[in-house]
Amino acid sequence: MKAWDLGHIITHFVNQKGDTVSHKKLQKLLYYVDAWHLVNFGKPIVDEDFQAWVHGPVIPELYQKLKGFGFNNLKVVNDEYETVDEEIEAIIKNNNLTSDQIEFIYSVLNKYGGLTSFNLELLSHSEAPWIEARNGYEPHQTCNVVIPKKRMHEYYSTM
């Protein structure tokens, strides 16, 4: 599925828990949902690749769509359906997500969703897939190196 769709599910879930999601936090939550989906289902849930940017894993296409928000919090805006819940249900249906996958996504979000964007950044910076992709780059140097999904699977499978 596209990160845009999963981002709606993530943002809505975290907001319902009484927490907020910034653009930076969303990128990291997408990364952890994708990483753990690789481990548990043997395939990625997100179509796009993550790159090893300065502040952690980022999907550039999603970054371009959301960069106007800066560090402000995101909310799911519903233009098509009666409620945001109906929109989320449509996204789930349109992407053929199983109840096991939805339950899984929510379990990952229960673990990581309460962390701040800064804590998620520090966590990703301490893990091999991001570190290895940034090998040879200075801490604040632009890096567009893809974090290989195969490496994400290998690394998180050991945890």
Protein backbone atom coordinates (compact mmCIF):
# COMPACT_ATOMS: atom_id res chain seq x y z
CA MET A 1 0.00 0.00 0.00
CA LYS A 2 1.05 3.58 -0.41
CA ALA A 3 2.56 5.30 2.60
CA TRP A 4 -0.06 8.04 2.19
CA ASP A 5 -2.86 5.56 2.97
CA LEU A 6 -1.05 3.90 5.86
CA GLY A 7 -0.22 7.37 7.16
CA HIS A 8 -3.95 8.10 7.45
CA ILE A 9 -4.48 4.92 9.47
CA ILE A 10 -1.52 5.70 11.73
CA THR A 11 -2.44 9.33 12.30
CA HIS A 12 -6.06 8.52 13.08
CA PHE A 13 -5.12 5.72 15.49
CA VAL A 14 -2.59 7.83 17.40
CA ASN A 15 -4.98 10.81 17.53
CA GLN A 16 -7.73 8.56 18.93
CA LYS A 17 -5.31 7.55 21.70
CA GLY A 18 -5.06 11.22 22.66
CA ASP A 19 -1.61 11.78 21.21
CA THR A 20 -0.38 13.84 18.28
CA VAL A 21 1.55 13.03 15.12
CA SER A 22 3.96 15.41 13.43
CA HIS A 23 5.26 14.79 9.94
CA LYS A 24 8.59 13.65 11.43
CA LYS A 25 6.87 11.26 13.84
CA LEU A 26 4.70 9.82 11.06
CA GLN A 27 7.75 8.96 8.96
CA LYS A 28 9.28 7.02 11.85
CA LEU A 29 6.02 5.22 12.71
CA LEU A 30 5.65 4.20 9.06
CA TYR A 31 9.20 2.84 9.19
CA TYR A 32 8.56 0.73 12.28
CA VAL A 33 5.23 -0.59 10.99
CA ASP A 34 6.94 -1.57 7.72
CA ALA A 35 9.96 -3.10 9.48
CA TRP A 36 7.88 -5.24 11.81
CA HIS A 37 5.47 -6.17 9.00
CA LEU A 38 8.49 -7.51 7.10
CA VAL A 39 9.35 -9.69 10.09
CA ASN A 40 5.83 -10.91 10.85
CA PHE A 41 4.36 -11.25 7.35
CA GLY A 42 7.50 -11.75 5.23
CA LYS A 43 6.75 -8.77 3.01
CA PRO A 44 6.64 -5.00 3.29
CA ILE A 45 3.35 -3.21 3.87
CA VAL A 46 4.60 0.06 2.33
CA ASP A 47 5.29 0.20 -1.42
CA GLU A 48 7.84 2.99 -1.22
CA ASP A 49 11.42 2.79 0.04
CA PHE A 50 12.80 4.67 3.02
CA GLN A 51 15.94 6.76 2.69
CA ALA A 52 18.46 7.39 5.48
CA TRP A 53 17.94 11.11 6.00
CA VAL A 54 19.53 13.19 8.75
CA HIS A 55 16.58 12.82 11.14
CA GLY A 56 15.99 9.13 10.43
CA PRO A 57 14.15 7.03 7.84
CA VAL A 58 12.03 9.05 5.39
CA ILE A 59 9.86 8.26 2.37
CA PRO A 60 10.72 11.18 0.06
CA GLU A 61 7.39 11.14 -1.82
CA LEU A 62 5.47 11.47 1.44
CA TYR A 63 7.86 14.13 2.67
CA GLN A 64 7.09 16.23 -0.41
CA LYS A 65 3.33 15.93 0.22
CA LEU A 66 3.56 16.88 3.90
CA LYS A 67 6.53 19.24 4.16
CA GLY A 68 4.22 22.26 4.32
CA PHE A 69 3.13 21.16 7.79
CA GLY A 70 6.66 21.64 9.13
CA PHE A 71 6.75 20.50 12.75
CA ASN A 72 3.00 21.00 13.25
CA ASN A 73 0.71 18.12 14.13
CA LEU A 74 -1.19 16.24 11.43
CA LYS A 75 -4.85 15.30 11.45
CA VAL A 76 -6.75 13.17 8.98
CA VAL A 77 -8.92 15.50 6.91
CA ASN A 78 -11.99 13.85 5.49
CA ASP A 79 -13.50 15.28 2.33
CA GLU A 80 -15.17 12.20 0.86
CA TYR A 81 -16.90 10.37 3.71
CA GLU A 82 -19.33 11.19 6.51
CA THR A 83 -16.70 10.49 9.18
CA VAL A 84 -12.97 9.91 9.46
CA ASP A 85 -13.75 6.38 10.67
CA GLU A 86 -15.55 5.70 7.37
CA GLU A 87 -12.53 7.02 5.47
CA ILE A 88 -10.20 4.72 7.40
CA GLU A 89 -12.51 1.75 6.72
CA ALA A 90 -12.44 2.61 3.00
CA ILE A 91 -8.62 2.77 3.03
CA ILE A 92 -8.49 -0.63 4.76
CA LYS A 93 -10.92 -2.12 2.24
CA ASN A 94 -9.27 -0.53 -0.83
CA ASN A 95 -5.87 -1.90 0.25
CA ASN A 96 -7.23 -5.37 1.06
CA LEU A 97 -5.81 -5.28 4.57
CA THR A 98 -6.73 -8.31 6.63
CA SER A 99 -7.95 -8.13 10.21
CA ASP A 100 -4.61 -9.71 11.22
CA GLN A 101 -2.73 -6.89 9.49
CA ILE A 102 -4.88 -4.19 11.10
CA GLU A 103 -4.45 -5.76 14.51
CA PHE A 104 -0.72 -5.98 13.85
CA ILE A 105 -0.48 -2.31 12.77
CA TYR A 106 -2.29 -1.25 15.93
CA SER A 107 0.02 -3.39 18.10
CA VAL A 108 3.10 -1.70 16.60
CA LEU A 109 1.48 1.69 17.16
CA ASN A 110 0.68 0.79 20.76
CA LYS A 111 4.40 0.15 21.24
CA TYR A 112 5.85 3.13 19.34
CA GLY A 113 2.99 5.62 18.99
CA GLY A 114 3.43 7.20 22.41
CA LEU A 115 7.07 8.08 21.74
CA THR A 116 7.97 11.60 20.65
CA SER A 117 9.37 12.27 17.20
CA PHE A 118 12.73 12.98 18.86
CA ASN A 119 12.71 9.65 20.74
CA LEU A 120 11.79 7.81 17.54
CA GLU A 121 14.62 9.62 15.75
CA LEU A 122 17.11 8.59 18.44
CA LEU A 123 15.86 5.01 18.31
CA SER A 124 16.24 4.76 14.54
CA HIS A 125 19.71 6.34 14.82
CA SER A 126 20.77 3.54 17.17
CA GLU A 127 19.79 0.74 14.78
CA ALA A 128 21.89 -0.89 12.08
CA PRO A 129 19.72 -0.35 8.96
CA TRP A 130 19.83 3.46 9.23
CA ILE A 131 23.44 3.53 10.48
CA GLU A 132 24.66 1.31 7.63
CA ALA A 133 22.79 3.29 4.96
CA ARG A 134 24.44 6.49 6.22
CA ASN A 135 27.93 4.99 6.29
CA GLY A 136 30.41 7.60 5.07
CA TYR A 137 28.04 10.55 5.58
CA GLU A 138 28.55 13.30 8.15
CA PRO A 139 25.79 13.63 10.80
CA HIS A 140 24.09 16.62 9.12
CA GLN A 141 24.99 15.78 5.52
CA THR A 142 22.17 15.13 3.05
CA CYS A 143 21.86 11.42 2.26
CA ASN A 144 19.43 9.82 -0.19
CA VAL A 145 20.65 6.24 0.27
CA VAL A 146 17.80 3.73 0.41
CA ILE A 147 17.53 1.61 3.54
CA PRO A 148 17.16 -1.87 1.98
CA LYS A 149 14.00 -3.68 3.04
CA LYS A 150 16.02 -6.90 3.07
CA ARG A 151 18.36 -5.38 5.66
CA MET A 152 15.40 -4.14 7.71
CA HIS A 153 13.99 -7.68 7.69
CA GLU A 154 17.33 -9.20 8.72
CA TYR A 155 17.93 -6.70 11.52
CA TYR A 156 14.47 -6.68 13.10
CA SER A 157 14.22 -10.48 12.81
CA THR A 158 17.03 -10.71 15.36
CA MET A 159 15.14 -8.68 17.95
